[in-house]
C-alpha atoms as a PDB file:
ATOM      1  CA  LEU A   1     -70.682 -58.614  26.798  1.00  0.00           C
ATOM      2  CA  LYS A   2     -73.351 -61.137  27.788  1.00  0.00           C
ATOM      3  CA  ARG A   3     -73.459 -62.488  24.255  1.00  0.00           C
ATOM      4  CA  ALA A   4     -69.681 -62.734  24.143  1.00  0.00           C
ATOM      5  CA  ALA A   5     -69.627 -64.574  27.470  1.00  0.00           C
ATOM      6  CA  GLN A   6     -72.099 -67.160  26.157  1.00  0.00           C
ATOM      7  CA  ARG A   7     -70.028 -67.929  23.083  1.00  0.00           C
ATOM      8  CA  ASP A   8     -67.974 -71.039  22.641  1.00  0.00           C
ATOM      9  CA  SER A   9     -64.483 -70.318  23.970  1.00  0.00           C
ATOM     10  CA  THR A  10     -63.013 -71.083  20.548  1.00  0.00           C
ATOM     11  CA  SER A  11     -65.299 -68.658  18.718  1.00  0.00           C
ATOM     12  CA  TYR A  12     -63.579 -65.590  17.224  1.00  0.00           C
ATOM     13  CA  PRO A  13     -64.918 -62.717  15.126  1.00  0.00           C
ATOM     14  CA  THR A  14     -64.388 -63.179  11.418  1.00  0.00           C
ATOM     15  CA  ARG A  15     -61.433 -61.478   9.782  1.00  0.00           C
ATOM     16  CA  LEU A  16     -63.782 -59.176   7.898  1.00  0.00           C
ATOM     17  CA  VAL A  17     -65.295 -57.969  11.175  1.00  0.00           C
ATOM     18  CA  LEU A  18     -61.822 -57.428  12.617  1.00  0.00           C
ATOM     19  CA  VAL A  19     -60.676 -55.453   9.563  1.00  0.00           C
ATOM     20  CA  LEU A  20     -63.802 -53.291   9.654  1.00  0.00           C
ATOM     21  CA  THR A  21     -63.264 -52.703  13.385  1.00  0.00           C
ATOM     22  CA  LEU A  22     -59.677 -51.666  12.703  1.00  0.00           C
ATOM     23  CA  ILE A  23     -60.706 -49.197  10.027  1.00  0.00           C
ATOM     24  CA  GLY A  24     -63.615 -47.826  12.044  1.00  0.00           C
ATOM     25  CA  SER A  25     -61.556 -47.353  15.185  1.00  0.00           C
ATOM     26  CA  VAL A  26     -58.822 -45.496  13.280  1.00  0.00           C
ATOM     27  CA  VAL A  27     -61.345 -43.158  11.655  1.00  0.00           C
ATOM     28  CA  VAL A  28     -63.272 -42.422  14.851  1.00  0.00           C
ATOM     29  CA  ALA A  29     -60.103 -42.056  16.957  1.00  0.00           C
ATOM     30  CA  GLY A  30     -58.642 -39.649  14.419  1.00  0.00           C
ATOM     31  CA  LEU A  31     -61.801 -37.567  14.256  1.00  0.00           C
ATOM     32  CA  SER A  32     -62.165 -37.517  18.049  1.00  0.00           C
ATOM     33  CA  TYR A  33     -58.963 -35.611  18.717  1.00  0.00           C
ATOM     34  CA  MET A  34     -57.732 -34.323  15.373  1.00  0.00           C
ATOM     35  CA  TYR A  35     -59.007 -30.838  16.227  1.00  0.00           C
ATOM     36  CA  PHE A  36     -57.428 -30.917  19.667  1.00  0.00           C
ATOM     37  CA  PHE A  37     -54.044 -31.947  18.258  1.00  0.00           C
ATOM     38  CA  ASN A  38     -53.830 -28.848  16.090  1.00  0.00           C
ATOM     39  CA  TYR A  39     -55.144 -26.544  18.782  1.00  0.00           C
ATOM     40  CA  PHE A  40     -53.441 -27.830  21.919  1.00  0.00           C
ATOM     41  CA  ARG A  41     -50.169 -29.177  20.439  1.00  0.00           C
ATOM     42  CA  VAL A  42     -50.811 -32.534  22.075  1.00  0.00           C
ATOM     43  CA  GLY A  43     -47.647 -34.098  23.442  1.00  0.00           C
ATOM     44  CA  THR A  44     -46.678 -35.498  26.816  1.00  0.00           C
ATOM     45  CA  GLY A  45     -47.694 -32.333  28.710  1.00  0.00           C
ATOM     46  CA  ILE A  46     -50.928 -31.753  30.595  1.00  0.00           C
ATOM     47  CA  ASN A  47     -52.821 -31.105  27.348  1.00  0.00           C
ATOM     48  CA  ASN A  48     -52.321 -34.790  26.638  1.00  0.00           C
ATOM     49  CA  ARG A  49     -55.607 -35.287  28.507  1.00  0.00           C
ATOM     50  CA  VAL A  50     -57.500 -34.372  25.332  1.00  0.00           C
ATOM     51  CA  THR A  51     -56.449 -37.716  23.834  1.00  0.00           C
ATOM     52  CA  ILE A  52     -58.782 -39.393  26.319  1.00  0.00           C
ATOM     53  CA  ALA A  53     -61.387 -38.791  23.607  1.00  0.00           C
ATOM     54  CA  ALA A  54     -59.643 -41.401  21.451  1.00  0.00           C
ATOM     55  CA  ALA A  55     -58.782 -43.906  24.201  1.00  0.00           C
ATOM     56  CA  VAL A  56     -61.723 -46.286  23.667  1.00  0.00           C
ATOM     57  CA  CYS A  57     -61.130 -46.412  19.921  1.00  0.00           C
ATOM     58  CA  VAL A  58     -57.427 -47.015  20.424  1.00  0.00           C
ATOM     59  CA  ALA A  59     -58.308 -49.942  22.698  1.00  0.00           C
ATOM     60  CA  PHE A  60     -60.616 -51.339  20.006  1.00  0.00           C
ATOM     61  CA  PHE A  61     -57.834 -50.966  17.451  1.00  0.00           C
ATOM     62  CA  LEU A  62     -55.219 -52.733  19.570  1.00  0.00           C
ATOM     63  CA  VAL A  63     -57.456 -55.647  20.553  1.00  0.00           C
ATOM     64  CA  SER A  64     -58.751 -56.065  17.005  1.00  0.00           C
ATOM     65  CA  GLY A  65     -55.228 -55.885  15.570  1.00  0.00           C
ATOM     66  CA  VAL A  66     -53.817 -58.458  17.973  1.00  0.00           C
ATOM     67  CA  THR A  67     -56.814 -60.736  17.392  1.00  0.00           C
ATOM     68  CA  LEU A  68     -56.487 -60.382  13.616  1.00  0.00           C
ATOM     69  CA  VAL A  69     -52.826 -61.367  13.733  1.00  0.00           C
ATOM     70  CA  GLY A  70     -53.677 -64.295  16.002  1.00  0.00           C
ATOM     71  CA  SER A  71     -56.337 -65.518  13.576  1.00  0.00           C
ATOM     72  CA  PHE A  72     -53.564 -66.669  11.242  1.00  0.00           C
ATOM     73  CA  LEU A  73     -52.092 -68.895  13.956  1.00  0.00           C
ATOM     74  CA  PRO A  74     -53.240 -72.400  14.885  1.00  0.00           C
ATOM     75  CA  LEU A  75     -56.331 -72.442  17.069  1.00  0.00           C
ATOM     76  CA  ARG A  76     -54.432 -73.637  20.156  1.00  0.00           C
ATOM     77  CA  LEU A  77     -52.114 -70.595  19.956  1.00  0.00           C
ATOM     78  CA  ARG A  78     -54.765 -67.927  19.514  1.00  0.00           C
ATOM     79  CA  LYS A  79     -55.475 -67.424  23.204  1.00  0.00           C
ATOM     80  CA  VAL A  80     -51.768 -67.284  23.975  1.00  0.00           C
ATOM     81  CA  SER A  81     -51.124 -64.763  21.193  1.00  0.00           C
ATOM     82  CA  LEU A  82     -53.994 -62.551  22.335  1.00  0.00           C
ATOM     83  CA  CYS A  83     -52.843 -62.568  25.966  1.00  0.00           C
ATOM     84  CA  ALA A  84     -49.210 -62.005  24.973  1.00  0.00           C
ATOM     85  CA  GLY A  85     -50.132 -59.151  22.620  1.00  0.00           C
ATOM     86  CA  ILE A  86     -52.254 -57.303  25.161  1.00  0.00           C
ATOM     87  CA  ALA A  87     -49.623 -57.891  27.856  1.00  0.00           C
ATOM     88  CA  ALA A  88     -47.010 -56.341  25.551  1.00  0.00           C
ATOM     89  CA  VAL A  89     -49.220 -53.308  24.963  1.00  0.00           C
ATOM     90  CA  CYS A  90     -49.755 -52.875  28.724  1.00  0.00           C
ATOM     91  CA  PHE A  91     -46.015 -53.241  29.347  1.00  0.00           C
ATOM     92  CA  CYS A  92     -45.201 -50.543  26.779  1.00  0.00           C
ATOM     93  CA  GLY A  93     -47.836 -48.240  28.233  1.00  0.00           C
ATOM     94  CA  SER A  94     -46.492 -48.728  31.745  1.00  0.00           C
ATOM     95  CA  LEU A  95     -42.911 -48.128  30.585  1.00  0.00           C
ATOM     96  CA  ILE A  96     -43.871 -44.921  28.758  1.00  0.00           C
ATOM     97  CA  THR A  97     -45.915 -43.603  31.679  1.00  0.00           C
ATOM     98  CA  SER A  98     -43.137 -44.374  34.165  1.00  0.00           C
ATOM     99  CA  THR A  99     -40.580 -42.635  31.938  1.00  0.00           C
ATOM    100  CA  VAL A 100     -42.721 -39.514  31.611  1.00  0.00           C
ATOM    101  CA  ALA A 101     -43.334 -39.553  35.368  1.00  0.00           C
ATOM    102  CA  THR A 102     -39.614 -39.171  36.082  1.00  0.00           C
ATOM    103  CA  PHE A 103     -39.726 -35.675  34.552  1.00  0.00           C
ATOM    104  CA  TRP A 104     -42.538 -34.704  36.911  1.00  0.00           C
ATOM    105  CA  VAL A 105     -40.460 -35.959  39.844  1.00  0.00           C
ATOM    106  CA  ASP A 106     -37.562 -33.736  38.735  1.00  0.00           C
ATOM    107  CA  ALA A 107     -39.933 -30.801  38.221  1.00  0.00           C
ATOM    108  CA  SER A 108     -41.340 -31.236  41.729  1.00  0.00           C
ATOM    109  CA  ARG A 109     -37.834 -31.141  43.189  1.00  0.00           C
ATOM    110  CA  ALA A 110     -37.012 -28.023  41.176  1.00  0.00           C
ATOM    111  CA  GLN A 111     -40.226 -26.391  42.400  1.00  0.00           C
ATOM    112  CA  ALA A 112     -39.337 -27.168  46.012  1.00  0.00           C
ATOM    113  CA  GLU A 113     -35.884 -25.670  45.482  1.00  0.00           C
ATOM    114  CA  VAL A 114     -37.381 -22.431  44.142  1.00  0.00           C
ATOM    115  CA  LEU A 115     -39.717 -22.223  47.134  1.00  0.00           C
ATOM    116  CA  ARG A 116     -36.891 -22.850  49.604  1.00  0.00           C
ATOM    117  CA  GLY A 117     -34.879 -20.066  48.026  1.00  0.00           C
ATOM    118  CA  LEU A 118     -37.869 -17.729  48.098  1.00  0.00           C
ATOM    119  CA  LYS A 119     -38.556 -18.435  51.775  1.00  0.00           C
ATOM    120  CA  ALA A 120     -34.897 -17.835  52.664  1.00  0.00           C
ATOM    121  CA  ALA A 121     -34.754 -14.552  50.736  1.00  0.00           C
ATOM    122  CA  TRP A 122     -38.185 -13.288  51.806  1.00  0.00           C
ATOM    123  CA  PRO A 123     -39.028 -14.745  55.237  1.00  0.00           C
ATOM    124  CA  SER A 124     -42.102 -12.641  56.115  1.00  0.00           C
ATOM    125  CA  PRO A 125     -43.913 -10.957  53.215  1.00  0.00           C
ATOM    126  CA  PRO A 126     -46.573  -8.386  54.118  1.00  0.00           C
ATOM    127  CA  MET A 127     -50.199  -9.372  53.627  1.00  0.00           C
ATOM    128  CA  ASN A 128     -51.690  -8.712  50.166  1.00  0.00           C
ATOM    129  CA  SER A 129     -48.231  -8.776  48.588  1.00  0.00           C
ATOM    130  CA  SER A 130     -47.445 -10.173  45.141  1.00  0.00           C
ATOM    131  CA  VAL A 131     -44.317 -11.985  44.011  1.00  0.00           C
ATOM    132  CA  LEU A 132     -43.198 -12.728  40.446  1.00  0.00           C
ATOM    133  CA  LEU A 133     -40.754 -15.593  39.957  1.00  0.00           C
ATOM    134  CA  MET A 134     -37.929 -15.637  37.410  1.00  0.00           C
ATOM    135  CA  GLY A 135     -34.530 -17.180  36.724  1.00  0.00           C
ATOM    136  CA  PHE A 136     -35.564 -20.800  36.126  1.00  0.00           C
ATOM    137  CA  CYS A 137     -37.163 -22.879  33.404  1.00  0.00           C
ATOM    138  CA  SER A 138     -40.882 -23.418  33.894  1.00  0.00           C
ATOM    139  CA  TRP A 139     -40.737 -26.950  32.500  1.00  0.00           C
ATOM    140  CA  ILE A 140     -38.563 -30.018  32.793  1.00  0.00           C
ATOM    141  CA  GLY A 141     -39.768 -32.035  29.861  1.00  0.00           C
ATOM    142  CA  PRO A 142     -43.548 -32.205  30.312  1.00  0.00           C
ATOM    143  CA  GLY A 143     -43.223 -31.628  34.057  1.00  0.00           C
ATOM    144  CA  ILE A 144     -44.236 -28.195  35.330  1.00  0.00           C
ATOM    145  CA  VAL A 145     -41.996 -26.341  37.780  1.00  0.00           C
ATOM    146  CA  PHE A 146     -44.016 -23.120  37.844  1.00  0.00           C
ATOM    147  CA  GLU A 147     -46.020 -22.043  34.815  1.00  0.00           C
ATOM    148  CA  THR A 148     -48.457 -19.278  35.659  1.00  0.00           C
ATOM    149  CA  ASN A 149     -50.584 -17.744  38.419  1.00  0.00           C
ATOM    150  CA  TRP A 150     -52.693 -20.850  39.047  1.00  0.00           C
ATOM    151  CA  ASP A 151     -49.739 -22.739  40.526  1.00  0.00           C
ATOM    152  CA  VAL A 152     -47.577 -19.890  41.871  1.00  0.00           C
ATOM    153  CA  ARG A 153     -50.382 -18.291  43.878  1.00  0.00           C
ATOM    154  CA  GLY A 154     -51.369 -21.540  45.540  1.00  0.00           C
ATOM    155  CA  ALA A 155     -47.785 -22.555  46.305  1.00  0.00           C
ATOM    156  CA  VAL A 156     -46.922 -19.166  47.790  1.00  0.00           C
ATOM    157  CA  GLY A 157     -50.085 -19.150  49.885  1.00  0.00           C
ATOM    158  CA  VAL A 158     -49.263 -22.575  51.316  1.00  0.00           C
ATOM    159  CA  LEU A 159     -45.578 -21.692  51.818  1.00  0.00           C
ATOM    160  CA  TYR A 160     -46.344 -18.642  53.946  1.00  0.00           C
ATOM    161  CA  ARG A 161     -49.743 -19.785  55.267  1.00  0.00           C
ATOM    162  CA  ASP A 162     -51.209 -16.581  53.867  1.00  0.00           C
ATOM    163  CA  GLN A 163     -53.938 -16.778  51.233  1.00  0.00           C
ATOM    164  CA  THR A 164     -53.816 -13.018  50.615  1.00  0.00           C
ATOM    165  CA  LEU A 165     -50.556 -13.431  48.694  1.00  0.00           C
ATOM    166  CA  ALA A 166     -50.585 -13.499  44.899  1.00  0.00           C
ATOM    167  CA  GLY A 167     -47.960 -14.571  42.409  1.00  0.00           C
ATOM    168  CA  ASN A 168     -47.032 -15.502  38.882  1.00  0.00           C
ATOM    169  CA  VAL A 169     -44.028 -16.264  36.721  1.00  0.00           C
ATOM    170  CA  LEU A 170     -42.520 -13.091  35.274  1.00  0.00           C
ATOM    171  CA  ARG A 171     -43.050 -13.062  31.497  1.00  0.00           C
ATOM    172  CA  PRO A 172     -41.748 -10.585  28.899  1.00  0.00           C
ATOM    173  CA  TRP A 173     -45.236 -10.005  27.496  1.00  0.00           C
ATOM    174  CA  MET A 174     -46.649  -8.622  30.751  1.00  0.00           C
ATOM    175  CA  LYS A 175     -47.908  -5.052  30.347  1.00  0.00           C
ATOM    176  CA  VAL A 176     -46.584  -2.126  32.333  1.00  0.00           C
ATOM    177  CA  GLU A 177     -49.403   0.116  33.516  1.00  0.00           C
ATOM    178  CA  GLY A 178     -49.526   3.171  35.723  1.00  0.00           C
ATOM    179  CA  ASP A 179     -50.705   1.383  38.845  1.00  0.00           C
ATOM    180  CA  GLY A 180     -49.236  -2.062  38.345  1.00  0.00           C
ATOM    181  CA  LEU A 181     -47.964  -4.859  36.134  1.00  0.00           C
ATOM    182  CA  ARG A 182     -50.692  -6.656  34.212  1.00  0.00           C
ATOM    183  CA  ALA A 183     -50.744 -10.337  33.318  1.00  0.00           C
ATOM    184  CA  GLY A 184     -53.949 -11.127  31.453  1.00  0.00           C
ATOM    185  CA  ASP A 185     -56.871 -10.200  33.687  1.00  0.00           C
ATOM    186  CA  THR A 186     -54.699  -9.873  36.799  1.00  0.00           C
ATOM    187  CA  LEU A 187     -53.113  -6.591  37.865  1.00  0.00           C
ATOM    188  CA  PHE A 188     -50.195  -6.823  40.281  1.00  0.00           C
ATOM    189  CA  SER A 189     -50.178  -3.499  42.122  1.00  0.00           C
ATOM    190  CA  TYR A 190     -46.956  -1.601  42.736  1.00  0.00           C
ATOM    191  CA  ALA A 191     -48.139  -1.120  46.316  1.00  0.00           C
ATOM    192  CA  SER A 192     -46.414  -4.372  47.295  1.00  0.00           C
ATOM    193  CA  LEU A 193     -44.960  -6.048  44.221  1.00  0.00           C
ATOM    194  CA  HIS A 194     -41.730  -8.030  44.377  1.00  0.00           C
ATOM    195  CA  VAL A 195     -39.718 -10.203  42.012  1.00  0.00           C
ATOM    196  CA  TYR A 196     -37.659 -13.217  43.071  1.00  0.00           C
ATOM    197  CA  ASP A 197     -34.703 -14.285  40.907  1.00  0.00           C
ATOM    198  CA  ALA A 198     -33.942 -17.958  41.536  1.00  0.00           C
ATOM    199  CA  ARG A 199     -30.462 -17.569  40.044  1.00  0.00           C
ATOM    200  CA  THR A 200     -29.285 -14.929  42.498  1.00  0.00           C
ATOM    201  CA  GLY A 201     -31.596 -15.816  45.383  1.00  0.00           C
ATOM    202  CA  LEU A 202     -32.621 -12.162  45.747  1.00  0.00           C
ATOM    203  CA  VAL A 203     -36.030 -10.505  46.137  1.00  0.00           C
ATOM    204  CA  ASN A 204     -36.333  -7.008  44.678  1.00  0.00           C
ATOM    205  CA  ARG A 205     -39.164  -4.505  44.861  1.00  0.00           C
ATOM    206  CA  ILE A 206     -40.978  -3.306  41.748  1.00  0.00           C
ATOM    207  CA  ALA A 207     -42.197   0.059  42.932  1.00  0.00           C
ATOM    208  CA  ASP A 208     -43.170   1.924  39.766  1.00  0.00           C
ATOM    209  CA  GLU A 209     -43.439   1.907  35.986  1.00  0.00           C
ATOM    210  CA  ALA A 210     -39.732   2.627  35.530  1.00  0.00           C
ATOM    211  CA  SER A 211     -38.562  -0.375  37.533  1.00  0.00           C
ATOM    212  CA  ALA A 212     -41.181  -2.614  35.890  1.00  0.00           C
ATOM    213  CA  SER A 213     -40.118  -1.534  32.387  1.00  0.00           C
ATOM    214  CA  ARG A 214     -36.466  -2.033  33.261  1.00  0.00           C
ATOM    215  CA  ILE A 215     -36.888  -5.602  34.452  1.00  0.00           C
ATOM    216  CA  LEU A 216     -39.088  -6.561  31.480  1.00  0.00           C
ATOM    217  CA  ARG A 217     -36.492  -5.185  29.065  1.00  0.00           C
ATOM    218  CA  ALA A 218     -33.823  -7.285  30.765  1.00  0.00           C
ATOM    219  CA  LEU A 219     -36.108 -10.314  30.588  1.00  0.00           C
ATOM    220  CA  ALA A 220     -36.628  -9.861  26.851  1.00  0.00           C
ATOM    221  CA  GLU A 221     -32.933  -9.332  26.112  1.00  0.00           C
ATOM    222  CA  GLU A 222     -31.549 -12.398  27.862  1.00  0.00           C
ATOM    223  CA  ASP A 223     -32.721 -15.879  28.614  1.00  0.00           C
ATOM    224  CA  VAL A 224     -33.518 -15.438  32.278  1.00  0.00           C
ATOM    225  CA  SER A 225     -36.130 -18.177  32.010  1.00  0.00           C
ATOM    226  CA  GLY A 226     -33.487 -20.852  31.508  1.00  0.00           C
ATOM    227  CA  CYS A 227     -35.524 -22.301  28.656  1.00  0.00           C
ATOM    228  CA  ALA A 228     -33.466 -20.985  25.752  1.00  0.00           C
ATOM    229  CA  GLY A 229     -36.209 -18.473  24.962  1.00  0.00           C
ATOM    230  CA  ASN A 230     -38.926 -21.146  24.738  1.00  0.00           C
ATOM    231  CA  TYR A 231     -42.050 -19.498  26.151  1.00  0.00           C
ATOM    232  CA  ASN A 232     -44.524 -21.456  24.024  1.00  0.00           C
ATOM    233  CA  ALA A 233     -44.612 -24.684  26.005  1.00  0.00           C
ATOM    234  CA  PHE A 234     -47.804 -23.946  27.931  1.00  0.00           C
ATOM    235  CA  GLY A 235     -49.805 -27.166  28.232  1.00  0.00           C
ATOM    236  CA  ALA A 236     -47.274 -29.116  26.165  1.00  0.00           C
ATOM    237  CA  GLY A 237     -44.046 -28.839  28.113  1.00  0.00           C
ATOM    238  CA  LEU A 238     -40.621 -29.140  26.532  1.00  0.00           C
ATOM    239  CA  PRO A 239     -39.567 -32.065  24.324  1.00  0.00           C
ATOM    240  CA  ILE A 240     -38.412 -35.084  26.283  1.00  0.00           C
ATOM    241  CA  TRP A 241     -35.752 -36.006  23.730  1.00  0.00           C
END
């Protein structure tokens, strides 16, 4: 940076340097998140954070590309073309980010609506209770309404001011066991297990294996998630368009 600052203001890298920078940045950017793309299904969802690995190289590519195009213009227009090109890139980035953000706004409103319905249907849950949510889509585009235990548990604890409460989104792959319903490493005990259906606004008790099996069968047979059977959007969200 010091060397660049000491250069003559009209001095530009040669076209060969710019071409090599373009090629190098594409190769390094591709290698830096190629693995993540296949593994995380990178899109506009929260897994999009893995593309941070390629951000610096993408910046090199854009600046080098704009500068290379400007090198074919008269010298007096090069600065203008560079500024205009980078401004256009920033404008597009801002427009894209703002568009994606609108889905998160809608998802936040949907989340608040689910919580209002839950509070109305279940005003005072006993301590150490668990609630499983159903009857809504977990995603609005990339925006998360409720996805799993890490957001449901926290939201329910804040809603009722009770950190002993646990929760999750009811999923058809949960396992029915003798003493509770299992989701991964978490066992929701039948001692105080409830399910809230956002469509009907009702809270029902899951008291034993029979009732747990019955509700999971119903969940598998119909689209009670509201996502047209799409349960594979974890980390990626649903397509925007």
